[in-house]
Amino acid sequence: MERTPARLRIMRTVNALIHLVCAVFALVLAVHIVLVLGEANMSNGFAQLVDEWSAGVSLGLRNLFTPDSEKLRTFLNDGLAAVIWLVIGAILTDVITRIAAPGPRRVWYRRSYR
């Protein structure tokens, strides 16, 4: 299959959007961690907004670890969710790149004859 510039452009655009979305989700979770660790006033509008958004993108990991400390709980649960979002973005873009722009076959083992 021949690579066309339009195909590569679309692939790069899709990959950039995936990276952007996953990075924004990870950033929201990181900001929530900072707000909790810094003991921000959670009745503040910005803190409430970040708390609601982070709950929406936490991948259901809000109660995975349940230490007594709220700071440690938030760090572990939201931190893990942020890392998972970054991994999801990396895997998706890698798969899309392999499908949309296949290169030469990888050789895992090559025996040389001399």
Protein backbone atom coordinates (compact mmCIF):
# COMPACT_ATOMS: atom_id res chain seq x y z
CA MET A 1 0.00 0.00 0.00
CA GLU A 2 1.37 3.39 -0.97
CA ARG A 3 1.74 6.15 1.60
CA THR A 4 0.11 9.37 0.54
CA PRO A 5 0.76 12.77 2.08
CA ALA A 6 -2.96 13.15 2.85
CA ARG A 7 -3.00 9.83 4.71
CA LEU A 8 0.03 10.82 6.76
CA ARG A 9 -1.46 14.24 7.49
CA ILE A 10 -4.69 12.68 8.76
CA MET A 11 -2.75 10.17 10.86
CA ARG A 12 -0.63 12.92 12.42
CA THR A 13 -3.72 15.02 13.13
CA VAL A 14 -5.53 12.12 14.79
CA ASN A 15 -2.42 11.27 16.84
CA ALA A 16 -2.03 14.91 17.90
CA LEU A 17 -5.67 15.04 19.02
CA ILE A 18 -5.27 11.81 21.01
CA HIS A 19 -2.10 13.14 22.64
CA LEU A 20 -3.83 16.43 23.43
CA VAL A 21 -6.91 14.82 25.01
CA CYS A 22 -4.88 12.35 27.09
CA ALA A 23 -2.45 15.07 28.19
CA VAL A 24 -5.31 17.38 29.21
CA PHE A 25 -6.91 14.56 31.24
CA ALA A 26 -3.57 13.85 32.95
CA LEU A 27 -3.07 17.57 33.59
CA VAL A 28 -6.50 17.91 35.22
CA LEU A 29 -5.65 15.00 37.51
CA ALA A 30 -2.25 16.53 38.33
CA VAL A 31 -3.83 19.91 39.14
CA HIS A 32 -6.31 18.13 41.42
CA ILE A 33 -3.42 16.43 43.21
CA VAL A 34 -1.68 19.79 43.70
CA LEU A 35 -4.87 21.38 45.03
CA VAL A 36 -5.41 18.58 47.55
CA LEU A 37 -1.76 18.46 48.64
CA GLY A 38 -1.75 22.25 49.01
CA GLU A 39 -4.97 22.10 51.05
CA ALA A 40 -6.82 24.41 48.67
CA ASN A 41 -10.22 25.78 49.62
CA MET A 42 -12.50 23.22 47.95
CA SER A 43 -15.46 25.59 48.14
CA ASN A 44 -13.66 27.83 45.62
CA GLY A 45 -15.18 27.69 42.13
CA PHE A 46 -11.93 26.73 40.39
CA ALA A 47 -11.20 23.98 42.91
CA GLN A 48 -14.73 22.61 42.52
CA LEU A 49 -14.41 22.64 38.73
CA VAL A 50 -11.10 20.77 38.85
CA ASP A 51 -12.52 18.31 41.40
CA GLU A 52 -15.53 17.56 39.17
CA TRP A 53 -13.43 17.19 36.03
CA SER A 54 -10.88 14.99 37.78
CA ALA A 55 -13.68 12.76 39.07
CA GLY A 56 -14.89 12.39 35.49
CA VAL A 57 -11.52 11.30 34.11
CA SER A 58 -10.27 9.24 37.07
CA LEU A 59 -11.07 5.96 35.26
CA GLY A 60 -12.94 4.71 38.33
CA LEU A 61 -9.74 4.66 40.38
CA ARG A 62 -10.89 7.15 43.03
CA ASN A 63 -11.27 4.40 45.66
CA LEU A 64 -8.61 1.93 44.53
CA PHE A 65 -6.22 2.84 47.34
CA THR A 66 -7.82 3.81 50.65
CA PRO A 67 -5.17 5.03 53.10
CA ASP A 68 -6.36 7.19 55.98
CA SER A 69 -4.68 10.32 54.64
CA GLU A 70 -6.76 12.15 52.01
CA LYS A 71 -3.57 13.58 50.51
CA LEU A 72 -1.98 10.17 50.04
CA ARG A 73 -5.24 8.71 48.73
CA THR A 74 -5.58 11.46 46.13
CA PHE A 75 -1.92 11.23 45.17
CA LEU A 76 -2.06 7.47 44.63
CA ASN A 77 -5.46 7.23 42.92
CA ASP A 78 -5.33 10.33 40.72
CA GLY A 79 -1.61 9.87 40.07
CA LEU A 80 -2.20 6.34 38.81
CA ALA A 81 -5.08 7.53 36.64
CA ALA A 82 -2.88 10.28 35.15
CA VAL A 83 -0.13 7.81 34.31
CA ILE A 84 -2.67 5.43 32.76
CA TRP A 85 -4.04 8.26 30.58
CA LEU A 86 -0.54 8.95 29.29
CA VAL A 87 0.02 5.25 28.60
CA ILE A 88 -3.35 5.00 26.82
CA GLY A 89 -2.39 7.93 24.60
CA ALA A 90 1.00 6.42 23.78
CA ILE A 91 -0.47 3.01 22.95
CA LEU A 92 -3.28 4.40 20.81
CA THR A 93 -0.97 6.63 18.78
CA ASP A 94 1.50 3.79 18.32
CA VAL A 95 -1.21 1.44 17.07
CA ILE A 96 -2.64 4.08 14.73
CA THR A 97 0.82 4.82 13.37
CA ARG A 98 1.53 1.14 12.77
CA ILE A 99 -1.78 0.68 10.95
CA ALA A 100 -1.87 3.91 8.96
CA ALA A 101 1.80 4.20 8.05
CA PRO A 102 3.29 0.73 7.94
CA GLY A 103 7.03 0.75 7.46
CA PRO A 104 9.44 -2.04 6.75
CA ARG A 105 8.87 -5.22 8.67
CA ARG A 106 10.77 -5.37 11.90
CA VAL A 107 13.35 -8.09 12.19
CA TRP A 108 13.56 -9.37 15.73
CA TYR A 109 16.26 -11.88 15.01
CA ARG A 110 18.58 -12.01 12.05
CA ARG A 111 21.04 -14.74 11.48
CA SER A 112 23.99 -13.77 9.39
CA TYR A 113 25.68 -16.33 7.18
CA ARG A 114 29.35 -15.91 6.49
